C-alpha atoms as a PDB file:
ATOM      1  CA  MET A   1     130.165 107.488 101.026  1.00  0.00           C
ATOM      2  CA  ILE A   2     129.925 111.275 100.966  1.00  0.00           C
ATOM      3  CA  ARG A   3     131.338 113.091 103.981  1.00  0.00           C
ATOM      4  CA  ASP A   4     130.835 116.633 102.703  1.00  0.00           C
ATOM      5  CA  LYS A   5     128.517 118.312 105.200  1.00  0.00           C
ATOM      6  CA  LEU A   6     127.141 120.920 102.809  1.00  0.00           C
ATOM      7  CA  THR A   7     126.007 118.178 100.427  1.00  0.00           C
ATOM      8  CA  GLN A   8     124.389 116.352 103.321  1.00  0.00           C
ATOM      9  CA  ILE A   9     122.638 119.499 104.526  1.00  0.00           C
ATOM     10  CA  ILE A  10     121.218 120.240 101.063  1.00  0.00           C
ATOM     11  CA  PHE A  11     120.020 116.652 100.597  1.00  0.00           C
ATOM     12  CA  ARG A  12     118.501 116.415 104.061  1.00  0.00           C
ATOM     13  CA  THR A  13     116.864 119.827 103.764  1.00  0.00           C
ATOM     14  CA  VAL A  14     115.152 118.674 100.570  1.00  0.00           C
ATOM     15  CA  PHE A  15     114.122 115.444 102.290  1.00  0.00           C
ATOM     16  CA  CYS A  16     112.663 117.257 105.299  1.00  0.00           C
ATOM     17  CA  THR A  17     110.840 119.738 103.079  1.00  0.00           C
ATOM     18  CA  LEU A  18     109.264 116.940 101.057  1.00  0.00           C
ATOM     19  CA  ALA A  19     108.496 115.076 104.285  1.00  0.00           C
ATOM     20  CA  VAL A  20     106.475 118.048 105.524  1.00  0.00           C
ATOM     21  CA  ILE A  21     104.622 118.126 102.201  1.00  0.00           C
ATOM     22  CA  GLY A  22     104.001 114.391 102.498  1.00  0.00           C
ATOM     23  CA  PHE A  23     102.778 114.816 106.061  1.00  0.00           C
ATOM     24  CA  ALA A  24     100.324 117.514 104.971  1.00  0.00           C
ATOM     25  CA  ALA A  25      99.187 115.314 102.082  1.00  0.00           C
ATOM     26  CA  SER A  26      98.631 112.361 104.417  1.00  0.00           C
ATOM     27  CA  LEU A  27      96.180 114.491 106.376  1.00  0.00           C
ATOM     28  CA  GLY A  28      94.253 115.250 103.185  1.00  0.00           C
ATOM     29  CA  LEU A  29      95.126 118.943 103.123  1.00  0.00           C
ATOM     30  CA  PHE A  30      95.778 119.004  99.361  1.00  0.00           C
ATOM     31  CA  GLU A  31      92.265 117.703  98.785  1.00  0.00           C
ATOM     32  CA  ALA A  32      90.876 120.191 101.330  1.00  0.00           C
ATOM     33  CA  GLN A  33      89.400 117.262 103.242  1.00  0.00           C
ATOM     34  CA  PHE A  34      90.815 116.116 106.561  1.00  0.00           C
ATOM     35  CA  ARG A  35      91.499 112.372 106.709  1.00  0.00           C
ATOM     36  CA  SER A  36      90.572 111.391 110.243  1.00  0.00           C
ATOM     37  CA  SER A  37      91.970 107.894 109.720  1.00  0.00           C
ATOM     38  CA  PHE A  38      95.454 109.074 108.693  1.00  0.00           C
ATOM     39  CA  TYR A  39      97.036 107.406 111.727  1.00  0.00           C
ATOM     40  CA  VAL A  40      95.814 103.922 110.725  1.00  0.00           C
ATOM     41  CA  TYR A  41      98.037 103.501 107.678  1.00  0.00           C
ATOM     42  CA  PHE A  42     101.475 101.914 107.995  1.00  0.00           C
ATOM     43  CA  THR A  43     102.608 104.072 105.071  1.00  0.00           C
ATOM     44  CA  ASN A  44     101.971 107.223 107.067  1.00  0.00           C
ATOM     45  CA  LEU A  45     103.420 105.948 110.325  1.00  0.00           C
ATOM     46  CA  SER A  46     106.619 104.669 108.699  1.00  0.00           C
ATOM     47  CA  ASN A  47     107.074 107.985 106.904  1.00  0.00           C
ATOM     48  CA  TYR A  48     106.441 109.942 110.119  1.00  0.00           C
ATOM     49  CA  ILE A  49     109.201 107.982 111.865  1.00  0.00           C
ATOM     50  CA  CYS A  50     111.583 108.612 108.967  1.00  0.00           C
ATOM     51  CA  MET A  51     110.632 112.296 108.962  1.00  0.00           C
ATOM     52  CA  PHE A  52     111.474 112.553 112.669  1.00  0.00           C
ATOM     53  CA  ILE A  53     114.850 110.896 112.080  1.00  0.00           C
ATOM     54  CA  GLY A  54     115.453 113.123 109.056  1.00  0.00           C
ATOM     55  CA  PHE A  55     114.917 116.315 111.050  1.00  0.00           C
ATOM     56  CA  ALA A  56     117.155 115.014 113.855  1.00  0.00           C
ATOM     57  CA  GLU A  57     119.884 114.218 111.316  1.00  0.00           C
ATOM     58  CA  LEU A  58     119.557 117.598 109.641  1.00  0.00           C
ATOM     59  CA  LYS A  59     119.902 119.393 112.987  1.00  0.00           C
ATOM     60  CA  ALA A  60     122.973 117.316 113.901  1.00  0.00           C
ATOM     61  CA  THR A  61     124.534 117.831 110.451  1.00  0.00           C
ATOM     62  CA  ILE A  62     124.124 121.603 110.632  1.00  0.00           C
ATOM     63  CA  LYS A  63     125.778 121.567 114.066  1.00  0.00           C
ATOM     64  CA  GLN A  64     128.699 119.521 112.706  1.00  0.00           C
ATOM     65  CA  PHE A  65     129.038 121.880 109.735  1.00  0.00           C
ATOM     66  CA  ARG A  66     129.278 124.899 112.026  1.00  0.00           C
ATOM     67  CA  GLU A  67     131.893 123.146 114.155  1.00  0.00           C
ATOM     68  CA  ASN A  68     133.916 121.938 111.116  1.00  0.00           C
ATOM     69  CA  ASP A  69     133.274 118.380 112.244  1.00  0.00           C
ATOM     70  CA  ASP A  70     133.515 115.993 109.274  1.00  0.00           C
ATOM     71  CA  SER A  71     132.674 112.836 111.222  1.00  0.00           C
ATOM     72  CA  PHE A  72     129.638 110.819 110.225  1.00  0.00           C
ATOM     73  CA  THR A  73     126.281 111.794 111.673  1.00  0.00           C
ATOM     74  CA  ASP A  74     125.115 108.961 113.886  1.00  0.00           C
ATOM     75  CA  VAL A  75     121.693 109.974 115.218  1.00  0.00           C
ATOM     76  CA  PHE A  76     119.440 107.180 116.510  1.00  0.00           C
ATOM     77  CA  PRO A  77     121.340 104.377 114.710  1.00  0.00           C
ATOM     78  CA  LYS A  78     118.877 101.611 115.648  1.00  0.00           C
ATOM     79  CA  MET A  79     115.861 103.706 114.714  1.00  0.00           C
ATOM     80  CA  LYS A  80     117.596 104.739 111.486  1.00  0.00           C
ATOM     81  CA  PHE A  81     117.964 101.092 110.497  1.00  0.00           C
ATOM     82  CA  MET A  82     114.457 100.121 111.601  1.00  0.00           C
ATOM     83  CA  GLY A  83     113.127 103.096 109.636  1.00  0.00           C
ATOM     84  CA  LEU A  84     115.144 101.902 106.652  1.00  0.00           C
ATOM     85  CA  VAL A  85     113.499  98.478 106.726  1.00  0.00           C
ATOM     86  CA  MET A  86     110.012  99.919 107.325  1.00  0.00           C
ATOM     87  CA  ILE A  87     110.219 102.471 104.540  1.00  0.00           C
ATOM     88  CA  PHE A  88     111.550  99.863 102.105  1.00  0.00           C
ATOM     89  CA  VAL A  89     108.616  97.605 103.002  1.00  0.00           C
ATOM     90  CA  THR A  90     106.265 100.568 102.484  1.00  0.00           C
ATOM     91  CA  PHE A  91     107.809 101.186  99.059  1.00  0.00           C
ATOM     92  CA  THR A  92     107.706  97.570  97.883  1.00  0.00           C
ATOM     93  CA  VAL A  93     104.353  96.481  99.329  1.00  0.00           C
ATOM     94  CA  TYR A  94     102.504  99.475  97.926  1.00  0.00           C
ATOM     95  CA  ASN A  95     104.151  99.671  94.517  1.00  0.00           C
ATOM     96  CA  PHE A  96     104.230  95.942  93.808  1.00  0.00           C
ATOM     97  CA  LEU A  97     101.235  94.636  95.757  1.00  0.00           C
ATOM     98  CA  LEU A  98      98.675  97.379  96.358  1.00  0.00           C
ATOM     99  CA  ALA A  99      99.098 100.012  93.637  1.00  0.00           C
ATOM    100  CA  LYS A 100      97.676  97.838  90.872  1.00  0.00           C
ATOM    101  CA  ASP A 101      94.273  97.873  92.572  1.00  0.00           C
ATOM    102  CA  LYS A 102      94.229 101.644  93.067  1.00  0.00           C
ATOM    103  CA  PRO A 103      92.791 104.156  90.570  1.00  0.00           C
ATOM    104  CA  ILE A 104      95.421 106.008  88.552  1.00  0.00           C
ATOM    105  CA  GLU A 105      94.555 109.349  90.139  1.00  0.00           C
ATOM    106  CA  LYS A 106      95.255 107.824  93.560  1.00  0.00           C
ATOM    107  CA  ASN A 107      98.702 106.604  92.515  1.00  0.00           C
ATOM    108  CA  LEU A 108      99.516 109.999  90.984  1.00  0.00           C
ATOM    109  CA  SER A 109      98.379 112.021  93.996  1.00  0.00           C
ATOM    110  CA  VAL A 110     100.840 114.145  95.977  1.00  0.00           C
ATOM    111  CA  SER A 111     100.405 111.846  98.955  1.00  0.00           C
ATOM    112  CA  SER A 112     101.109 108.646  97.024  1.00  0.00           C
ATOM    113  CA  ILE A 113     104.110 109.973  95.091  1.00  0.00           C
ATOM    114  CA  THR A 114     105.807 111.525  98.114  1.00  0.00           C
ATOM    115  CA  LEU A 115     105.065 108.818 100.699  1.00  0.00           C
ATOM    116  CA  HIS A 116     105.353 105.725  98.489  1.00  0.00           C
ATOM    117  CA  ILE A 117     108.152 106.686  96.111  1.00  0.00           C
ATOM    118  CA  VAL A 118     110.159 109.872  96.673  1.00  0.00           C
ATOM    119  CA  LEU A 119     110.663 109.838 100.439  1.00  0.00           C
ATOM    120  CA  PRO A 120     111.397 106.084 100.664  1.00  0.00           C
ATOM    121  CA  LEU A 121     114.022 106.295  97.909  1.00  0.00           C
ATOM    122  CA  MET A 122     115.594 109.420  99.439  1.00  0.00           C
ATOM    123  CA  TYR A 123     115.712 107.851 102.904  1.00  0.00           C
ATOM    124  CA  ILE A 124     117.420 104.740 101.514  1.00  0.00           C
ATOM    125  CA  ALA A 125     119.850 106.909  99.532  1.00  0.00           C
ATOM    126  CA  ASP A 126     120.665 108.899 102.677  1.00  0.00           C
ATOM    127  CA  TRP A 127     121.549 105.710 104.535  1.00  0.00           C
ATOM    128  CA  ILE A 128     123.731 104.487 101.663  1.00  0.00           C
ATOM    129  CA  LEU A 129     125.524 107.777 100.970  1.00  0.00           C
ATOM    130  CA  PHE A 130     125.848 109.565 104.293  1.00  0.00           C
ATOM    131  CA  ARG A 131     126.000 106.929 107.038  1.00  0.00           C
ATOM    132  CA  GLU A 132     129.095 105.159 108.281  1.00  0.00           C
ATOM    133  CA  HIS A 133     128.820 101.481 107.444  1.00  0.00           C
ATOM    134  CA  ARG A 134     129.677  98.257 109.258  1.00  0.00           C
ATOM    135  CA  LYS A 135     127.721  99.666 112.188  1.00  0.00           C
ATOM    136  CA  VAL A 136     124.657  97.447 111.795  1.00  0.00           C
ATOM    137  CA  LYS A 137     124.615  94.662 114.379  1.00  0.00           C
ATOM    138  CA  LYS A 138     123.506  91.172 113.407  1.00  0.00           C
ATOM    139  CA  THR A 139     120.489  91.334 115.722  1.00  0.00           C
ATOM    140  CA  MET A 140     119.090  94.554 114.249  1.00  0.00           C
ATOM    141  CA  PRO A 141     117.172  92.881 111.369  1.00  0.00           C
ATOM    142  CA  LEU A 142     115.315  90.829 113.990  1.00  0.00           C
ATOM    143  CA  LEU A 143     114.435  93.986 115.925  1.00  0.00           C
ATOM    144  CA  SER A 144     112.898  95.400 112.757  1.00  0.00           C
ATOM    145  CA  VAL A 145     109.774  93.288 113.284  1.00  0.00           C
ATOM    146  CA  VAL A 146     108.940  95.049 116.560  1.00  0.00           C
ATOM    147  CA  ILE A 147     107.221  98.066 114.990  1.00  0.00           C
ATOM    148  CA  PRO A 148     105.190  96.018 112.432  1.00  0.00           C
ATOM    149  CA  ILE A 149     103.993  93.725 115.241  1.00  0.00           C
ATOM    150  CA  ILE A 150     102.985  96.692 117.404  1.00  0.00           C
ATOM    151  CA  TYR A 151     101.267  98.235 114.393  1.00  0.00           C
ATOM    152  CA  ALA A 152      99.292  95.064 113.637  1.00  0.00           C
ATOM    153  CA  ALA A 153      98.261  94.736 117.286  1.00  0.00           C
ATOM    154  CA  PHE A 154      97.099  98.360 117.218  1.00  0.00           C
ATOM    155  CA  VAL A 155      94.981  97.723 114.102  1.00  0.00           C
ATOM    156  CA  PHE A 156      93.322  94.662 115.643  1.00  0.00           C
ATOM    157  CA  ILE A 157      92.644  96.335 119.006  1.00  0.00           C
ATOM    158  CA  ARG A 158      91.239  99.407 117.263  1.00  0.00           C
ATOM    159  CA  ALA A 159      88.988  97.199 115.119  1.00  0.00           C
ATOM    160  CA  GLU A 160      87.601  95.428 118.183  1.00  0.00           C
ATOM    161  CA  ILE A 161      86.947  98.747 119.942  1.00  0.00           C
ATOM    162  CA  MET A 162      85.321 100.352 116.905  1.00  0.00           C
ATOM    163  CA  GLY A 163      83.538  97.241 115.725  1.00  0.00           C
ATOM    164  CA  ARG A 164      84.597  95.420 112.577  1.00  0.00           C
ATOM    165  CA  GLN A 165      82.444  97.471 110.228  1.00  0.00           C
ATOM    166  CA  GLY A 166      82.782 100.872 108.592  1.00  0.00           C
ATOM    167  CA  ASP A 167      85.451 102.670 106.613  1.00  0.00           C
ATOM    168  CA  VAL A 168      89.143 101.988 107.179  1.00  0.00           C
ATOM    169  CA  VAL A 169      88.733  99.417 109.937  1.00  0.00           C
ATOM    170  CA  TYR A 170      91.376  97.219 108.333  1.00  0.00           C
ATOM    171  CA  PRO A 171      93.561  99.492 106.154  1.00  0.00           C
ATOM    172  CA  TYR A 172      95.112  96.595 104.208  1.00  0.00           C
ATOM    173  CA  PHE A 173      93.531  93.448 102.805  1.00  0.00           C
ATOM    174  CA  PHE A 174      96.059  91.167 104.514  1.00  0.00           C
ATOM    175  CA  LEU A 175      94.904  92.436 107.924  1.00  0.00           C
ATOM    176  CA  ASP A 176      91.195  92.113 107.173  1.00  0.00           C
ATOM    177  CA  VAL A 177      89.876  89.585 109.674  1.00  0.00           C
ATOM    178  CA  ASN A 178      86.365  89.902 108.228  1.00  0.00           C
ATOM    179  CA  LYS A 179      87.478  88.597 104.834  1.00  0.00           C
ATOM    180  CA  LEU A 180      90.406  86.332 105.658  1.00  0.00           C
ATOM    181  CA  GLY A 181      89.601  85.170 109.173  1.00  0.00           C
ATOM    182  CA  TRP A 182      92.235  85.005 111.877  1.00  0.00           C
ATOM    183  CA  SER A 183      93.965  82.032 110.254  1.00  0.00           C
ATOM    184  CA  GLY A 184      94.261  83.834 106.914  1.00  0.00           C
ATOM    185  CA  VAL A 185      95.582  86.958 108.569  1.00  0.00           C
ATOM    186  CA  ALA A 186      98.056  84.859 110.566  1.00  0.00           C
ATOM    187  CA  VAL A 187      99.439  83.354 107.347  1.00  0.00           C
ATOM    188  CA  TRP A 188      99.922  86.817 105.860  1.00  0.00           C
ATOM    189  CA  MET A 189     101.529  88.065 109.081  1.00  0.00           C
ATOM    190  CA  VAL A 190     104.051  85.228 109.055  1.00  0.00           C
ATOM    191  CA  ILE A 191     104.874  85.889 105.398  1.00  0.00           C
ATOM    192  CA  LEU A 192     105.251  89.642 105.870  1.00  0.00           C
ATOM    193  CA  LEU A 193     107.284  89.391 109.093  1.00  0.00           C
ATOM    194  CA  ALA A 194     109.582  86.875 107.410  1.00  0.00           C
ATOM    195  CA  ALA A 195     109.929  89.326 104.520  1.00  0.00           C
ATOM    196  CA  VAL A 196     110.756  92.138 106.954  1.00  0.00           C
ATOM    197  CA  ILE A 197     113.513  90.055 108.542  1.00  0.00           C
ATOM    198  CA  ALA A 198     114.828  89.065 105.109  1.00  0.00           C
ATOM    199  CA  VAL A 199     114.917  92.719 104.039  1.00  0.00           C
ATOM    200  CA  GLY A 200     116.765  93.562 107.235  1.00  0.00           C
ATOM    201  CA  TYR A 201     119.463  90.982 106.524  1.00  0.00           C
ATOM    202  CA  LEU A 202     119.753  92.140 102.927  1.00  0.00           C
ATOM    203  CA  PHE A 203     120.485  95.637 104.222  1.00  0.00           C
ATOM    204  CA  LEU A 204     122.936  94.127 106.716  1.00  0.00           C
ATOM    205  CA  LEU A 205     124.728  92.481 103.784  1.00  0.00           C
ATOM    206  CA  LEU A 206     124.664  95.757 101.852  1.00  0.00           C
ATOM    207  CA  ASP A 207     126.066  97.510 104.917  1.00  0.00           C
ATOM    208  CA  ARG A 208     129.014  95.112 104.973  1.00  0.00           C
ATOM    209  CA  LEU A 209     129.607  95.414 101.223  1.00  0.00           C
ATOM    210  CA  LEU A 210     129.562  99.219 101.372  1.00  0.00           C
ATOM    211  CA  ALA A 211     131.980  99.178 104.304  1.00  0.00           C
ATOM    212  CA  LYS A 212     134.336  96.890 102.403  1.00  0.00           C
ATOM    213  CA  LYS A 213     134.106  99.011  99.274  1.00  0.00           C
ATOM    214  CA  ASN A 214     134.972 102.194 101.154  1.00  0.00           C
ATOM    215  CA  SER A 215     137.684 100.731 103.374  1.00  0.00           C
END
């Protein structure tokens, strides 16, 4: 683990800068066309949460640097871990499940590269390099399903309000009630929530291994 505050500030400044670029890209600003459905995508929402945590960490790190405080930055520890699981899911689901069906120009866009690759990897690296380990409680992987469940409920409620037709009603195929039916969606939900919990416990194991390595 790296305790040097200047290194942390540089890394987190780069992360926050790229997060702002990713945020702008998610709104469609680089294509000069506002994406009114930006808030529907889990990719965007997970990155927004990580961006918020990143800015909070950067502010706290700068304060510690000014005060010659070399202790670990511990801002929103539960949200940091939940963001870690969400952003890893964003990275894996898109790159290994969804990207193959997207046109190459979509995968090479500023939005896709920043939100699906660069920011997720930097957020994970930040947690590995700059956070104190053996702080993750055994129940935290289970809590990681809360945000995906709320997100799915939001998608379904929005679809019922808007009607199940039109563009971006169901942003992902595994939530598409029109095509899969409720039973098909339920199967996918169980699989994905189980995967989220599994990812959470893998990070819990990594947390313990990193703590042991640096003890």
